[in-house]
Amino acid sequence: MNRRLTLRSFAGLILIAVIGVGLLVFQRQHIKKHLPLIAAEFAVAEQEGPGILKEIGLPEGAEPYDDGLKTFPGEGRKSMWRGAKLRIRWERTWVLPGNHDDTDAWFADRLGQLGWKPFTIGVPSSVEDLYWKDKWLLTIQRRADFSTDPNPTVRKTVMLDWDYWHDLGR
């Protein structure tokens, strides 16, 4: 009886090991097959991003506060996708005339006209608004508020993200 139990345990461990190795092999083949497809989608997104930002535009009188950034978040992570660019972000802070409520309303109206939909993760935020369209996520963050000055202005950071894994409409 004891010998049977040991044999069953050993056979179970071998089965688990065989299944694990099989899953790893399948995973590697899956990644190898999809990396060129992902790279092609990424290249298209990288070309479209600046045009999307230009199409959205900014309220009249907007001035850049910084030079802006283009980054590839998550690129340095150690994972099975190492070496593949799966996400890209354009980020820039702007000085806008008026107050936060007026500029938020301008963005909401403009983005609605262009087919962007509001997106909420958990509890709605009072400092940022998110909008999505396809695999794109646009974040408008409130920054400094100088709306009580004689020449009222506010700062907002606009971030446009494309992520291969985004499926925000579901």
C-alpha atoms as a PDB file:
ATOM      1  CA  MET A   1       0.000   0.000   0.000  1.00  0.00           C
ATOM      2  CA  ASN A   2       2.776   2.406   0.969  1.00  0.00           C
ATOM      3  CA  ARG A   3       4.679   1.607  -2.200  1.00  0.00           C
ATOM      4  CA  ARG A   4       1.567   2.285  -4.328  1.00  0.00           C
ATOM      5  CA  LEU A   5       1.097   5.662  -2.663  1.00  0.00           C
ATOM      6  CA  THR A   6       4.720   6.610  -3.326  1.00  0.00           C
ATOM      7  CA  LEU A   7       4.413   5.514  -6.962  1.00  0.00           C
ATOM      8  CA  ARG A   8       1.205   7.558  -7.432  1.00  0.00           C
ATOM      9  CA  SER A   9       2.807  10.614  -5.841  1.00  0.00           C
ATOM     10  CA  PHE A  10       5.850  10.271  -8.068  1.00  0.00           C
ATOM     11  CA  ALA A  11       3.672   9.812 -11.178  1.00  0.00           C
ATOM     12  CA  GLY A  12       1.655  12.922 -10.175  1.00  0.00           C
ATOM     13  CA  LEU A  13       4.824  14.993  -9.840  1.00  0.00           C
ATOM     14  CA  ILE A  14       6.063  13.816 -13.231  1.00  0.00           C
ATOM     15  CA  LEU A  15       2.699  14.688 -14.792  1.00  0.00           C
ATOM     16  CA  ILE A  16       2.822  18.198 -13.260  1.00  0.00           C
ATOM     17  CA  ALA A  17       6.380  18.678 -14.546  1.00  0.00           C
ATOM     18  CA  VAL A  18       5.456  17.516 -18.073  1.00  0.00           C
ATOM     19  CA  ILE A  19       2.429  19.846 -18.157  1.00  0.00           C
ATOM     20  CA  GLY A  20       4.575  22.754 -16.876  1.00  0.00           C
ATOM     21  CA  VAL A  21       7.244  22.214 -19.517  1.00  0.00           C
ATOM     22  CA  GLY A  22       4.561  21.905 -22.193  1.00  0.00           C
ATOM     23  CA  LEU A  23       3.002  25.205 -21.122  1.00  0.00           C
ATOM     24  CA  LEU A  24       6.387  26.951 -21.200  1.00  0.00           C
ATOM     25  CA  VAL A  25       7.101  25.645 -24.704  1.00  0.00           C
ATOM     26  CA  PHE A  26       3.635  26.702 -25.885  1.00  0.00           C
ATOM     27  CA  GLN A  27       4.070  30.137 -24.279  1.00  0.00           C
ATOM     28  CA  ARG A  28       7.425  30.713 -25.998  1.00  0.00           C
ATOM     29  CA  GLN A  29       5.983  29.685 -29.381  1.00  0.00           C
ATOM     30  CA  HIS A  30       2.981  31.974 -28.826  1.00  0.00           C
ATOM     31  CA  ILE A  31       5.240  34.930 -27.990  1.00  0.00           C
ATOM     32  CA  LYS A  32       7.534  34.256 -30.962  1.00  0.00           C
ATOM     33  CA  LYS A  33       4.522  34.184 -33.285  1.00  0.00           C
ATOM     34  CA  HIS A  34       2.954  37.382 -31.914  1.00  0.00           C
ATOM     35  CA  LEU A  35       6.016  39.631 -31.486  1.00  0.00           C
ATOM     36  CA  PRO A  36       6.076  40.699 -35.173  1.00  0.00           C
ATOM     37  CA  LEU A  37       2.335  41.474 -35.038  1.00  0.00           C
ATOM     38  CA  ILE A  38       2.774  43.503 -31.860  1.00  0.00           C
ATOM     39  CA  ALA A  39       5.777  45.340 -33.334  1.00  0.00           C
ATOM     40  CA  ALA A  40       3.742  46.262 -36.418  1.00  0.00           C
ATOM     41  CA  GLU A  41       0.849  47.583 -34.294  1.00  0.00           C
ATOM     42  CA  PHE A  42       3.298  49.501 -32.128  1.00  0.00           C
ATOM     43  CA  ALA A  43       4.939  51.124 -35.181  1.00  0.00           C
ATOM     44  CA  VAL A  44       1.543  52.312 -36.433  1.00  0.00           C
ATOM     45  CA  ALA A  45       0.658  53.696 -32.982  1.00  0.00           C
ATOM     46  CA  GLU A  46       4.002  55.492 -32.729  1.00  0.00           C
ATOM     47  CA  GLN A  47       3.287  57.219 -36.046  1.00  0.00           C
ATOM     48  CA  GLU A  48      -0.343  58.081 -35.155  1.00  0.00           C
ATOM     49  CA  GLY A  49       0.230  59.485 -31.640  1.00  0.00           C
ATOM     50  CA  PRO A  50       1.455  62.991 -32.543  1.00  0.00           C
ATOM     51  CA  GLY A  51      -1.343  63.354 -35.094  1.00  0.00           C
ATOM     52  CA  ILE A  52      -3.955  62.377 -32.502  1.00  0.00           C
ATOM     53  CA  LEU A  53      -2.640  65.017 -30.107  1.00  0.00           C
ATOM     54  CA  LYS A  54      -2.688  67.599 -32.898  1.00  0.00           C
ATOM     55  CA  GLU A  55      -6.260  66.647 -33.851  1.00  0.00           C
ATOM     56  CA  ILE A  56      -7.442  67.030 -30.239  1.00  0.00           C
ATOM     57  CA  GLY A  57      -5.751  70.392 -29.977  1.00  0.00           C
ATOM     58  CA  LEU A  58      -5.800  72.767 -27.008  1.00  0.00           C
ATOM     59  CA  PRO A  59      -7.892  75.696 -25.850  1.00  0.00           C
ATOM     60  CA  GLU A  60      -6.995  78.998 -27.502  1.00  0.00           C
ATOM     61  CA  GLY A  61      -4.058  80.717 -25.841  1.00  0.00           C
ATOM     62  CA  ALA A  62      -2.375  77.524 -24.618  1.00  0.00           C
ATOM     63  CA  GLU A  63       1.389  77.767 -24.114  1.00  0.00           C
ATOM     64  CA  PRO A  64       3.762  74.846 -23.508  1.00  0.00           C
ATOM     65  CA  TYR A  65       5.179  74.705 -19.979  1.00  0.00           C
ATOM     66  CA  ASP A  66       7.783  72.046 -20.767  1.00  0.00           C
ATOM     67  CA  ASP A  67       9.310  70.294 -23.763  1.00  0.00           C
ATOM     68  CA  GLY A  68       7.210  67.171 -23.319  1.00  0.00           C
ATOM     69  CA  LEU A  69       8.273  63.547 -23.101  1.00  0.00           C
ATOM     70  CA  LYS A  70       7.910  60.431 -25.160  1.00  0.00           C
ATOM     71  CA  THR A  71       8.433  57.332 -23.034  1.00  0.00           C
ATOM     72  CA  PHE A  72       8.001  53.596 -23.226  1.00  0.00           C
ATOM     73  CA  PRO A  73       6.575  52.602 -19.810  1.00  0.00           C
ATOM     74  CA  GLY A  74       7.217  49.063 -18.658  1.00  0.00           C
ATOM     75  CA  GLU A  75       9.973  48.519 -21.201  1.00  0.00           C
ATOM     76  CA  GLY A  76      12.577  47.637 -18.545  1.00  0.00           C
ATOM     77  CA  ARG A  77      10.515  44.998 -16.794  1.00  0.00           C
ATOM     78  CA  LYS A  78      11.866  41.502 -16.754  1.00  0.00           C
ATOM     79  CA  SER A  79       9.175  39.387 -18.292  1.00  0.00           C
ATOM     80  CA  MET A  80       8.555  36.988 -21.102  1.00  0.00           C
ATOM     81  CA  TRP A  81       7.940  40.018 -23.349  1.00  0.00           C
ATOM     82  CA  ARG A  82      11.396  41.492 -22.678  1.00  0.00           C
ATOM     83  CA  GLY A  83      12.600  43.435 -25.686  1.00  0.00           C
ATOM     84  CA  ALA A  84       9.114  44.054 -27.053  1.00  0.00           C
ATOM     85  CA  LYS A  85       7.698  47.560 -26.901  1.00  0.00           C
ATOM     86  CA  LEU A  86       4.123  47.157 -25.740  1.00  0.00           C
ATOM     87  CA  ARG A  87       3.309  50.694 -24.590  1.00  0.00           C
ATOM     88  CA  ILE A  88       4.107  54.281 -25.552  1.00  0.00           C
ATOM     89  CA  ARG A  89       3.260  57.600 -23.871  1.00  0.00           C
ATOM     90  CA  TRP A  90       3.424  61.222 -24.936  1.00  0.00           C
ATOM     91  CA  GLU A  91       3.262  63.677 -22.033  1.00  0.00           C
ATOM     92  CA  ARG A  92       3.374  67.470 -21.938  1.00  0.00           C
ATOM     93  CA  THR A  93       2.348  70.160 -19.463  1.00  0.00           C
ATOM     94  CA  TRP A  94       0.558  73.265 -20.743  1.00  0.00           C
ATOM     95  CA  VAL A  95      -0.319  76.684 -19.348  1.00  0.00           C
ATOM     96  CA  LEU A  96      -3.939  77.385 -20.269  1.00  0.00           C
ATOM     97  CA  PRO A  97      -5.895  80.617 -19.850  1.00  0.00           C
ATOM     98  CA  GLY A  98      -8.882  80.519 -17.478  1.00  0.00           C
ATOM     99  CA  ASN A  99      -9.654  78.035 -14.715  1.00  0.00           C
ATOM    100  CA  HIS A 100      -9.706  74.274 -14.366  1.00  0.00           C
ATOM    101  CA  ASP A 101     -13.476  73.919 -14.718  1.00  0.00           C
ATOM    102  CA  ASP A 102     -13.557  75.837 -18.011  1.00  0.00           C
ATOM    103  CA  THR A 103     -10.592  73.957 -19.478  1.00  0.00           C
ATOM    104  CA  ASP A 104     -12.041  70.598 -18.316  1.00  0.00           C
ATOM    105  CA  ALA A 105     -15.300  71.502 -20.076  1.00  0.00           C
ATOM    106  CA  TRP A 106     -13.392  72.444 -23.239  1.00  0.00           C
ATOM    107  CA  PHE A 107     -11.577  69.081 -23.287  1.00  0.00           C
ATOM    108  CA  ALA A 108     -14.776  67.117 -22.535  1.00  0.00           C
ATOM    109  CA  ASP A 109     -16.615  68.849 -25.388  1.00  0.00           C
ATOM    110  CA  ARG A 110     -13.737  68.509 -27.858  1.00  0.00           C
ATOM    111  CA  LEU A 111     -13.045  64.882 -27.059  1.00  0.00           C
ATOM    112  CA  GLY A 112     -16.756  64.037 -27.244  1.00  0.00           C
ATOM    113  CA  GLN A 113     -16.881  65.549 -30.753  1.00  0.00           C
ATOM    114  CA  LEU A 114     -13.966  63.327 -31.780  1.00  0.00           C
ATOM    115  CA  GLY A 115     -15.548  60.123 -30.427  1.00  0.00           C
ATOM    116  CA  TRP A 116     -13.520  59.763 -27.224  1.00  0.00           C
ATOM    117  CA  LYS A 117     -15.419  58.324 -24.268  1.00  0.00           C
ATOM    118  CA  PRO A 118     -14.921  59.140 -20.572  1.00  0.00           C
ATOM    119  CA  PHE A 119     -13.156  56.384 -18.648  1.00  0.00           C
ATOM    120  CA  THR A 120     -13.215  55.879 -14.896  1.00  0.00           C
ATOM    121  CA  ILE A 121     -11.019  53.541 -12.908  1.00  0.00           C
ATOM    122  CA  GLY A 122     -12.568  52.994  -9.476  1.00  0.00           C
ATOM    123  CA  VAL A 123     -13.681  56.160  -7.716  1.00  0.00           C
ATOM    124  CA  PRO A 124     -13.883  59.215 -10.016  1.00  0.00           C
ATOM    125  CA  SER A 125     -10.924  61.567  -9.562  1.00  0.00           C
ATOM    126  CA  SER A 126     -11.131  65.287  -8.922  1.00  0.00           C
ATOM    127  CA  VAL A 127      -7.630  65.894 -10.302  1.00  0.00           C
ATOM    128  CA  GLU A 128      -7.646  63.983 -13.579  1.00  0.00           C
ATOM    129  CA  ASP A 129     -10.037  63.058 -16.350  1.00  0.00           C
ATOM    130  CA  LEU A 130      -9.506  60.001 -18.516  1.00  0.00           C
ATOM    131  CA  TYR A 131     -10.860  59.328 -22.000  1.00  0.00           C
ATOM    132  CA  TRP A 132     -10.445  56.276 -24.207  1.00  0.00           C
ATOM    133  CA  LYS A 133     -10.705  55.385 -27.864  1.00  0.00           C
ATOM    134  CA  ASP A 134      -9.603  51.967 -29.173  1.00  0.00           C
ATOM    135  CA  LYS A 135      -6.234  51.174 -27.521  1.00  0.00           C
ATOM    136  CA  TRP A 136      -5.656  54.843 -26.652  1.00  0.00           C
ATOM    137  CA  LEU A 137      -6.032  56.417 -23.220  1.00  0.00           C
ATOM    138  CA  LEU A 138      -5.905  60.198 -22.802  1.00  0.00           C
ATOM    139  CA  THR A 139      -5.342  61.626 -19.333  1.00  0.00           C
ATOM    140  CA  ILE A 140      -5.854  65.310 -18.517  1.00  0.00           C
ATOM    141  CA  GLN A 141      -4.324  66.102 -15.106  1.00  0.00           C
ATOM    142  CA  ARG A 142      -4.902  69.262 -13.112  1.00  0.00           C
ATOM    143  CA  ARG A 143      -1.701  70.937 -12.001  1.00  0.00           C
ATOM    144  CA  ALA A 144      -1.062  74.444 -10.654  1.00  0.00           C
ATOM    145  CA  ASP A 145      -3.982  76.884 -10.384  1.00  0.00           C
ATOM    146  CA  PHE A 146      -3.379  80.590 -10.894  1.00  0.00           C
ATOM    147  CA  SER A 147      -7.006  81.359 -11.779  1.00  0.00           C
ATOM    148  CA  THR A 148      -7.276  84.105  -9.122  1.00  0.00           C
ATOM    149  CA  ASP A 149      -4.389  86.110 -10.619  1.00  0.00           C
ATOM    150  CA  PRO A 150      -5.104  89.219 -12.713  1.00  0.00           C
ATOM    151  CA  ASN A 151      -4.276  87.104 -15.801  1.00  0.00           C
ATOM    152  CA  PRO A 152      -5.888  83.769 -14.785  1.00  0.00           C
ATOM    153  CA  THR A 153      -4.129  80.591 -15.919  1.00  0.00           C
ATOM    154  CA  VAL A 154      -3.894  76.945 -14.946  1.00  0.00           C
ATOM    155  CA  ARG A 155      -1.446  74.172 -15.765  1.00  0.00           C
ATOM    156  CA  LYS A 156      -2.584  70.845 -17.121  1.00  0.00           C
ATOM    157  CA  THR A 157      -0.596  67.794 -18.094  1.00  0.00           C
ATOM    158  CA  VAL A 158      -1.892  65.952 -21.148  1.00  0.00           C
ATOM    159  CA  MET A 159      -0.828  62.309 -21.478  1.00  0.00           C
ATOM    160  CA  LEU A 160      -1.635  60.087 -24.429  1.00  0.00           C
ATOM    161  CA  ASP A 161      -0.996  56.374 -23.914  1.00  0.00           C
ATOM    162  CA  TRP A 162      -1.160  53.517 -26.377  1.00  0.00           C
ATOM    163  CA  ASP A 163      -0.933  50.079 -24.838  1.00  0.00           C
ATOM    164  CA  TYR A 164      -1.057  46.807 -26.757  1.00  0.00           C
ATOM    165  CA  TRP A 165      -3.020  45.243 -23.898  1.00  0.00           C
ATOM    166  CA  HIS A 166      -5.640  48.025 -23.621  1.00  0.00           C
ATOM    167  CA  ASP A 167      -9.184  46.935 -24.278  1.00  0.00           C
ATOM    168  CA  LEU A 168     -10.876  49.777 -22.454  1.00  0.00           C
ATOM    169  CA  GLY A 169     -14.251  49.439 -24.173  1.00  0.00           C
ATOM    170  CA  ARG A 170     -15.056  46.146 -22.508  1.00  0.00           C
END
